[in-house]
N, C-alpha and C. Protein backbone atom coordinates (compact mmCIF):
# COMPACT_ATOMS: atom_id res chain seq x y z
N UNK A 1 -12.14 13.45 7.93
CA UNK A 1 -12.17 12.20 7.21
C UNK A 1 -12.50 11.07 8.18
N UNK A 2 -13.34 10.18 7.77
CA UNK A 2 -13.76 9.06 8.62
C UNK A 2 -12.63 8.04 8.76
N UNK A 3 -12.59 7.43 9.91
CA UNK A 3 -11.62 6.35 10.16
C UNK A 3 -11.97 5.17 9.25
N UNK A 4 -10.96 4.45 8.75
CA UNK A 4 -11.25 3.29 7.88
C UNK A 4 -12.11 2.26 8.60
N UNK A 5 -12.85 1.49 7.83
CA UNK A 5 -13.66 0.40 8.36
C UNK A 5 -12.77 -0.46 9.27
N UNK A 6 -13.30 -0.87 10.40
CA UNK A 6 -12.53 -1.66 11.38
C UNK A 6 -11.95 -2.93 10.77
N UNK A 7 -12.64 -3.53 9.82
CA UNK A 7 -12.14 -4.75 9.18
C UNK A 7 -10.83 -4.50 8.43
N UNK A 8 -10.62 -3.27 7.98
CA UNK A 8 -9.38 -2.94 7.27
C UNK A 8 -8.22 -2.68 8.22
N UNK A 9 -8.48 -2.68 9.52
CA UNK A 9 -7.43 -2.45 10.52
C UNK A 9 -6.91 -3.76 11.10
N UNK A 10 -7.28 -4.88 10.50
CA UNK A 10 -6.83 -6.21 10.93
C UNK A 10 -5.68 -6.66 10.04
N UNK A 11 -4.44 -6.65 10.55
CA UNK A 11 -3.30 -7.02 9.71
C UNK A 11 -3.36 -8.45 9.17
N UNK A 12 -4.11 -9.33 9.83
CA UNK A 12 -4.21 -10.72 9.38
C UNK A 12 -4.89 -10.83 8.01
N UNK A 13 -5.63 -9.82 7.60
CA UNK A 13 -6.33 -9.87 6.31
C UNK A 13 -5.41 -9.58 5.12
N UNK A 14 -4.25 -9.02 5.39
CA UNK A 14 -3.37 -8.57 4.33
C UNK A 14 -2.38 -9.67 3.94
N UNK A 15 -2.26 -9.98 2.64
CA UNK A 15 -1.40 -11.07 2.21
C UNK A 15 0.09 -10.74 2.12
N UNK A 16 0.46 -9.48 2.31
CA UNK A 16 1.85 -9.06 2.17
C UNK A 16 2.22 -8.14 3.31
N UNK A 17 3.42 -8.30 3.84
CA UNK A 17 3.91 -7.41 4.89
C UNK A 17 5.38 -7.11 4.66
N UNK A 18 5.76 -5.87 4.95
CA UNK A 18 7.14 -5.43 4.80
C UNK A 18 7.53 -4.61 6.01
N UNK A 19 8.61 -5.01 6.69
CA UNK A 19 9.07 -4.27 7.86
C UNK A 19 10.05 -3.18 7.44
N UNK A 20 9.92 -2.01 8.05
CA UNK A 20 10.77 -0.86 7.74
C UNK A 20 11.36 -0.33 9.04
N UNK A 21 12.66 -0.08 9.02
CA UNK A 21 13.34 0.52 10.16
C UNK A 21 13.09 2.02 10.16
N UNK A 22 12.66 2.56 11.28
CA UNK A 22 12.50 4.01 11.37
C UNK A 22 13.87 4.65 11.60
N UNK A 23 13.98 5.89 11.16
CA UNK A 23 15.24 6.62 11.29
C UNK A 23 15.02 7.87 12.15
N UNK A 24 16.08 8.34 12.75
CA UNK A 24 15.99 9.58 13.52
C UNK A 24 15.50 10.71 12.62
N UNK A 25 15.90 10.70 11.36
CA UNK A 25 15.49 11.73 10.40
C UNK A 25 13.98 11.70 10.11
N UNK A 26 13.30 10.63 10.51
CA UNK A 26 11.86 10.51 10.26
C UNK A 26 11.00 11.25 11.28
N UNK A 27 11.60 11.74 12.36
CA UNK A 27 10.78 12.38 13.39
C UNK A 27 10.68 13.89 13.17
N UNK A 28 9.60 14.45 13.70
CA UNK A 28 9.37 15.89 13.60
C UNK A 28 9.69 16.55 14.95
N UNK A 29 9.53 17.85 15.07
CA UNK A 29 9.85 18.52 16.35
C UNK A 29 9.04 18.01 17.54
N UNK A 30 7.91 17.36 17.29
CA UNK A 30 7.10 16.81 18.38
C UNK A 30 7.52 15.39 18.76
N UNK A 31 8.61 14.92 18.17
CA UNK A 31 9.18 13.61 18.47
C UNK A 31 8.33 12.43 18.01
N UNK A 32 7.48 12.64 16.99
CA UNK A 32 6.81 11.49 16.40
C UNK A 32 7.13 11.43 14.92
N UNK A 33 6.81 10.28 14.33
CA UNK A 33 7.12 10.07 12.91
C UNK A 33 6.36 11.10 12.08
N UNK A 34 7.08 11.79 11.25
CA UNK A 34 6.55 12.85 10.39
C UNK A 34 5.63 12.26 9.33
N UNK A 35 4.60 13.02 8.96
CA UNK A 35 3.64 12.53 7.96
C UNK A 35 4.32 12.26 6.61
N UNK A 36 5.32 13.03 6.26
CA UNK A 36 6.04 12.81 4.99
C UNK A 36 6.82 11.49 5.06
N UNK A 37 7.42 11.21 6.21
CA UNK A 37 8.15 9.95 6.38
C UNK A 37 7.19 8.76 6.30
N UNK A 38 6.01 8.90 6.92
CA UNK A 38 5.02 7.81 6.84
C UNK A 38 4.58 7.58 5.40
N UNK A 39 4.38 8.65 4.64
CA UNK A 39 3.98 8.51 3.23
C UNK A 39 5.10 7.81 2.44
N UNK A 40 6.35 8.13 2.74
CA UNK A 40 7.47 7.47 2.05
C UNK A 40 7.53 5.98 2.40
N UNK A 41 7.22 5.65 3.65
CA UNK A 41 7.20 4.24 4.06
C UNK A 41 6.10 3.48 3.32
N UNK A 42 4.94 4.11 3.17
CA UNK A 42 3.84 3.50 2.42
C UNK A 42 4.25 3.30 0.96
N UNK A 43 4.90 4.31 0.38
CA UNK A 43 5.35 4.21 -1.01
C UNK A 43 6.34 3.06 -1.17
N UNK A 44 7.32 2.97 -0.28
CA UNK A 44 8.31 1.90 -0.36
C UNK A 44 7.65 0.53 -0.29
N UNK A 45 6.72 0.37 0.65
CA UNK A 45 6.03 -0.91 0.79
C UNK A 45 5.16 -1.22 -0.43
N UNK A 46 4.50 -0.18 -0.99
CA UNK A 46 3.66 -0.39 -2.17
C UNK A 46 4.51 -0.86 -3.36
N UNK A 47 5.68 -0.28 -3.53
CA UNK A 47 6.58 -0.70 -4.62
C UNK A 47 7.06 -2.12 -4.39
N UNK A 48 7.40 -2.46 -3.16
CA UNK A 48 7.84 -3.83 -2.87
C UNK A 48 6.69 -4.82 -3.06
N UNK A 49 5.48 -4.40 -2.73
CA UNK A 49 4.29 -5.23 -2.98
C UNK A 49 4.14 -5.46 -4.48
N UNK A 50 4.27 -4.41 -5.27
CA UNK A 50 4.18 -4.56 -6.73
C UNK A 50 5.24 -5.52 -7.25
N UNK A 51 6.45 -5.45 -6.71
CA UNK A 51 7.51 -6.38 -7.12
C UNK A 51 7.14 -7.81 -6.75
N UNK A 52 6.55 -8.00 -5.57
CA UNK A 52 6.13 -9.34 -5.15
C UNK A 52 5.07 -9.90 -6.09
N UNK A 53 4.22 -9.01 -6.62
CA UNK A 53 3.20 -9.43 -7.59
C UNK A 53 3.83 -9.81 -8.92
N UNK A 54 5.07 -9.44 -9.14
CA UNK A 54 5.72 -9.71 -10.41
C UNK A 54 5.25 -8.76 -11.49
N UNK A 55 4.86 -7.55 -11.11
CA UNK A 55 4.26 -6.62 -12.06
C UNK A 55 5.17 -6.29 -13.23
N UNK A 56 6.47 -6.27 -13.01
CA UNK A 56 7.38 -5.95 -14.11
C UNK A 56 7.32 -7.04 -15.18
N UNK A 57 7.01 -8.26 -14.78
CA UNK A 57 6.94 -9.36 -15.73
C UNK A 57 5.53 -9.53 -16.29
N UNK A 58 4.54 -9.50 -15.44
CA UNK A 58 3.17 -9.82 -15.84
C UNK A 58 2.48 -8.74 -16.67
N UNK A 59 2.81 -7.48 -16.43
CA UNK A 59 2.13 -6.43 -17.18
C UNK A 59 2.62 -6.37 -18.62
N UNK A 60 3.86 -6.82 -18.85
CA UNK A 60 4.39 -6.86 -20.21
C UNK A 60 4.56 -5.48 -20.79
N UNK A 61 3.95 -5.22 -21.93
CA UNK A 61 4.07 -3.93 -22.60
C UNK A 61 3.37 -2.82 -21.84
N UNK A 62 2.46 -3.21 -20.99
CA UNK A 62 1.73 -2.21 -20.21
C UNK A 62 2.58 -1.80 -19.01
N UNK A 63 2.20 -0.70 -18.42
CA UNK A 63 2.82 -0.29 -17.16
C UNK A 63 1.72 0.18 -16.22
N UNK A 64 2.07 0.27 -14.96
CA UNK A 64 1.10 0.73 -13.97
C UNK A 64 1.47 2.14 -13.54
N UNK A 65 0.45 2.98 -13.38
CA UNK A 65 0.65 4.33 -12.88
C UNK A 65 -0.26 4.55 -11.70
N UNK A 66 0.23 5.29 -10.72
CA UNK A 66 -0.58 5.63 -9.56
C UNK A 66 -1.52 6.77 -9.95
N UNK A 67 -2.81 6.55 -9.81
CA UNK A 67 -3.80 7.58 -10.14
C UNK A 67 -4.19 8.40 -8.92
N UNK A 68 -4.21 7.75 -7.75
CA UNK A 68 -4.53 8.49 -6.53
C UNK A 68 -4.00 7.76 -5.32
N UNK A 69 -3.73 8.54 -4.28
CA UNK A 69 -3.31 8.00 -2.99
C UNK A 69 -4.02 8.82 -1.92
N UNK A 70 -4.67 8.14 -0.99
CA UNK A 70 -5.29 8.80 0.16
C UNK A 70 -4.74 8.13 1.42
N UNK A 71 -4.42 8.94 2.40
CA UNK A 71 -3.81 8.39 3.62
C UNK A 71 -4.48 8.97 4.86
N UNK A 72 -4.76 8.10 5.81
CA UNK A 72 -5.33 8.49 7.09
C UNK A 72 -4.29 8.22 8.17
N UNK A 73 -4.07 9.21 9.03
CA UNK A 73 -3.16 9.05 10.16
C UNK A 73 -4.00 8.68 11.36
N UNK A 74 -3.71 7.52 11.94
CA UNK A 74 -4.57 6.95 12.98
C UNK A 74 -4.04 7.15 14.39
N UNK A 75 -2.72 7.17 14.55
CA UNK A 75 -2.11 7.40 15.85
C UNK A 75 -0.66 7.80 15.62
N UNK A 76 0.01 8.19 16.69
CA UNK A 76 1.40 8.62 16.56
C UNK A 76 2.33 7.44 16.46
N UNK A 77 3.33 7.57 15.60
CA UNK A 77 4.40 6.61 15.52
C UNK A 77 5.66 7.23 16.11
N UNK A 78 6.57 6.39 16.59
CA UNK A 78 7.75 6.90 17.28
C UNK A 78 9.03 6.19 16.82
N UNK A 79 10.12 6.93 16.84
CA UNK A 79 11.46 6.41 16.63
C UNK A 79 11.92 5.85 17.97
N UNK A 80 12.61 4.72 18.05
CA UNK A 80 13.28 3.96 17.01
C UNK A 80 12.58 2.67 16.61
N UNK A 81 11.36 2.45 17.10
CA UNK A 81 10.68 1.18 16.81
C UNK A 81 10.41 1.03 15.32
N UNK A 82 10.61 -0.18 14.77
CA UNK A 82 10.31 -0.41 13.35
C UNK A 82 8.80 -0.39 13.12
N UNK A 83 8.42 -0.26 11.87
CA UNK A 83 7.01 -0.35 11.48
C UNK A 83 6.87 -1.51 10.49
N UNK A 84 5.68 -2.04 10.40
CA UNK A 84 5.36 -3.05 9.40
C UNK A 84 4.21 -2.51 8.57
N UNK A 85 4.39 -2.54 7.26
CA UNK A 85 3.33 -2.10 6.35
C UNK A 85 2.74 -3.33 5.70
N UNK A 86 1.44 -3.51 5.91
CA UNK A 86 0.69 -4.63 5.33
C UNK A 86 -0.01 -4.13 4.08
N UNK A 87 -0.01 -4.94 3.02
CA UNK A 87 -0.59 -4.52 1.74
C UNK A 87 -1.49 -5.62 1.18
N UNK A 88 -2.53 -5.21 0.46
CA UNK A 88 -3.40 -6.16 -0.22
C UNK A 88 -4.23 -5.45 -1.27
N UNK A 89 -4.68 -6.23 -2.25
CA UNK A 89 -5.56 -5.69 -3.29
C UNK A 89 -6.98 -5.69 -2.72
N UNK A 90 -7.60 -4.53 -2.75
CA UNK A 90 -8.97 -4.40 -2.23
C UNK A 90 -9.99 -4.66 -3.32
N UNK A 91 -9.71 -4.17 -4.51
CA UNK A 91 -10.69 -4.25 -5.60
C UNK A 91 -9.96 -4.22 -6.93
N UNK A 92 -10.51 -4.93 -7.91
CA UNK A 92 -9.96 -4.92 -9.27
C UNK A 92 -11.08 -4.51 -10.21
N UNK A 93 -10.81 -3.49 -11.02
CA UNK A 93 -11.78 -3.00 -11.99
C UNK A 93 -11.38 -3.41 -13.39
N UNK A 94 -11.85 -2.67 -14.38
CA UNK A 94 -11.54 -2.98 -15.76
C UNK A 94 -10.09 -2.62 -16.11
N UNK A 95 -9.67 -1.40 -15.76
CA UNK A 95 -8.30 -0.97 -16.08
C UNK A 95 -7.54 -0.52 -14.83
N UNK A 96 -8.14 -0.65 -13.67
CA UNK A 96 -7.48 -0.20 -12.45
C UNK A 96 -7.69 -1.19 -11.31
N UNK A 97 -6.84 -1.08 -10.31
CA UNK A 97 -7.00 -1.87 -9.10
C UNK A 97 -6.64 -0.99 -7.91
N UNK A 98 -7.23 -1.34 -6.77
CA UNK A 98 -7.04 -0.56 -5.55
C UNK A 98 -6.24 -1.38 -4.56
N UNK A 99 -5.17 -0.77 -4.05
CA UNK A 99 -4.31 -1.39 -3.05
C UNK A 99 -4.54 -0.66 -1.73
N UNK A 100 -4.78 -1.42 -0.67
CA UNK A 100 -4.89 -0.83 0.66
C UNK A 100 -3.68 -1.25 1.48
N UNK A 101 -3.30 -0.34 2.39
CA UNK A 101 -2.11 -0.57 3.21
C UNK A 101 -2.40 -0.16 4.65
N UNK A 102 -1.85 -0.93 5.56
CA UNK A 102 -1.99 -0.66 6.98
C UNK A 102 -0.59 -0.63 7.59
N UNK A 103 -0.22 0.51 8.17
CA UNK A 103 1.08 0.66 8.82
C UNK A 103 0.89 0.45 10.32
N UNK A 104 1.60 -0.54 10.85
CA UNK A 104 1.49 -0.93 12.26
C UNK A 104 2.83 -0.70 12.96
N UNK A 105 2.77 -0.20 14.18
CA UNK A 105 3.97 -0.09 15.00
C UNK A 105 3.62 -0.54 16.41
N UNK A 106 4.41 -1.46 16.93
CA UNK A 106 4.20 -1.97 18.29
C UNK A 106 2.76 -2.44 18.51
N UNK A 107 2.18 -3.08 17.50
CA UNK A 107 0.83 -3.63 17.59
C UNK A 107 -0.29 -2.62 17.40
N UNK A 108 0.05 -1.34 17.11
CA UNK A 108 -0.97 -0.30 16.94
C UNK A 108 -1.03 0.17 15.51
N UNK A 109 -2.24 0.35 14.97
CA UNK A 109 -2.36 0.96 13.65
C UNK A 109 -1.94 2.44 13.73
N UNK A 110 -1.02 2.83 12.88
CA UNK A 110 -0.53 4.21 12.85
C UNK A 110 -1.08 4.96 11.64
N UNK A 111 -1.18 4.25 10.50
CA UNK A 111 -1.67 4.91 9.29
C UNK A 111 -2.31 3.88 8.36
N UNK A 112 -3.20 4.38 7.54
CA UNK A 112 -3.90 3.56 6.54
C UNK A 112 -3.86 4.32 5.21
N UNK A 113 -3.62 3.61 4.12
CA UNK A 113 -3.58 4.25 2.81
C UNK A 113 -4.36 3.42 1.80
N UNK A 114 -4.94 4.12 0.84
CA UNK A 114 -5.65 3.48 -0.27
C UNK A 114 -5.13 4.13 -1.55
N UNK A 115 -4.62 3.29 -2.46
CA UNK A 115 -4.07 3.78 -3.73
C UNK A 115 -4.78 3.12 -4.90
N UNK A 116 -5.03 3.89 -5.93
CA UNK A 116 -5.60 3.36 -7.16
C UNK A 116 -4.49 3.36 -8.20
N UNK A 117 -4.25 2.19 -8.78
CA UNK A 117 -3.27 2.05 -9.84
C UNK A 117 -4.00 1.74 -11.14
N UNK A 118 -3.47 2.25 -12.24
CA UNK A 118 -4.13 2.09 -13.54
C UNK A 118 -3.16 1.43 -14.51
N UNK A 119 -3.66 0.44 -15.25
CA UNK A 119 -2.88 -0.17 -16.32
C UNK A 119 -2.86 0.79 -17.50
N UNK A 120 -1.67 1.11 -17.98
CA UNK A 120 -1.50 2.10 -19.05
C UNK A 120 -0.80 1.45 -20.25
N UNK A 121 -1.27 1.74 -21.42
CA UNK A 121 -0.60 1.37 -22.67
C UNK A 121 -0.85 2.51 -23.65
N UNK A 122 0.18 2.91 -24.37
CA UNK A 122 0.08 4.04 -25.29
C UNK A 122 -0.43 5.30 -24.59
N UNK A 123 0.03 5.50 -23.35
CA UNK A 123 -0.33 6.68 -22.55
C UNK A 123 -1.83 6.82 -22.26
N UNK A 124 -2.54 5.69 -22.28
CA UNK A 124 -3.98 5.71 -21.99
C UNK A 124 -4.31 4.51 -21.09
N UNK A 125 -5.35 4.64 -20.26
CA UNK A 125 -5.79 3.47 -19.50
C UNK A 125 -6.13 2.33 -20.46
N UNK A 126 -5.79 1.14 -20.03
CA UNK A 126 -5.98 -0.04 -20.87
C UNK A 126 -6.50 -1.16 -19.98
N UNK A 127 -7.37 -2.04 -20.50
CA UNK A 127 -7.87 -3.14 -19.66
C UNK A 127 -6.73 -3.98 -19.07
N UNK A 128 -6.93 -4.43 -17.86
CA UNK A 128 -5.95 -5.29 -17.20
C UNK A 128 -5.93 -6.63 -17.93
N UNK A 129 -4.74 -7.08 -18.30
CA UNK A 129 -4.59 -8.38 -18.97
C UNK A 129 -5.09 -9.50 -18.06
N UNK A 130 -5.67 -10.52 -18.64
CA UNK A 130 -6.25 -11.62 -17.85
C UNK A 130 -5.21 -12.31 -16.97
N UNK A 131 -3.97 -12.49 -17.47
CA UNK A 131 -2.97 -13.16 -16.63
C UNK A 131 -2.61 -12.30 -15.42
N UNK A 132 -2.58 -10.98 -15.60
CA UNK A 132 -2.28 -10.11 -14.47
C UNK A 132 -3.48 -10.01 -13.53
N UNK A 133 -4.67 -10.07 -14.08
CA UNK A 133 -5.88 -10.07 -13.26
C UNK A 133 -5.86 -11.29 -12.31
N UNK A 134 -5.40 -12.43 -12.82
CA UNK A 134 -5.30 -13.64 -11.99
C UNK A 134 -4.27 -13.45 -10.87
N UNK A 135 -3.18 -12.75 -11.17
CA UNK A 135 -2.17 -12.46 -10.14
C UNK A 135 -2.78 -11.56 -9.06
N UNK A 136 -3.47 -10.51 -9.48
CA UNK A 136 -4.10 -9.60 -8.51
C UNK A 136 -5.06 -10.36 -7.59
N UNK A 137 -5.79 -11.31 -8.15
CA UNK A 137 -6.75 -12.08 -7.36
C UNK A 137 -6.05 -12.86 -6.24
N UNK A 138 -4.83 -13.31 -6.50
CA UNK A 138 -4.09 -14.07 -5.49
C UNK A 138 -3.64 -13.20 -4.32
N UNK A 139 -3.58 -11.90 -4.52
CA UNK A 139 -3.09 -10.97 -3.50
C UNK A 139 -4.21 -10.10 -2.92
N UNK A 140 -5.45 -10.56 -3.08
CA UNK A 140 -6.60 -9.83 -2.56
C UNK A 140 -6.69 -9.99 -1.05
N UNK A 141 -7.26 -9.00 -0.38
CA UNK A 141 -7.46 -9.09 1.08
C UNK A 141 -8.17 -10.37 1.43
N UNK A 142 -7.78 -10.97 2.55
CA UNK A 142 -8.42 -12.18 3.04
C UNK A 142 -9.72 -11.82 3.76
N UNK A 143 -10.69 -12.69 3.66
CA UNK A 143 -11.99 -12.47 4.33
C UNK A 143 -11.90 -12.64 5.82
């Protein structure tokens, strides 16, 4: 898998950041942060990002579902240093939007993730409401 575009490795472009404390339980036998632990950190930050967007209020009768998640491991992370996960909306479509995340530790990119979320109503994809589309625009990656 190709490394993400260098522009996506700049934490200054991301409008949201969440710091996470690493735990001893997060390390593997090689003494680095386990890939499952990194995925859980990305998930936690993505949920907190969604809360910051006010998704529970703005989506209304609709709900968001994760359609896909892809993650690239860029370097080793280590316990006990905390990590910061940066999040931003990369793209907004008709019924879905893409969130990108950059996990940084000690100034180094450790992992990158791209998730596609879909607006759902009546168990089917549904167009993103205009008021929520405006919210997503406010949380788009900075140029």
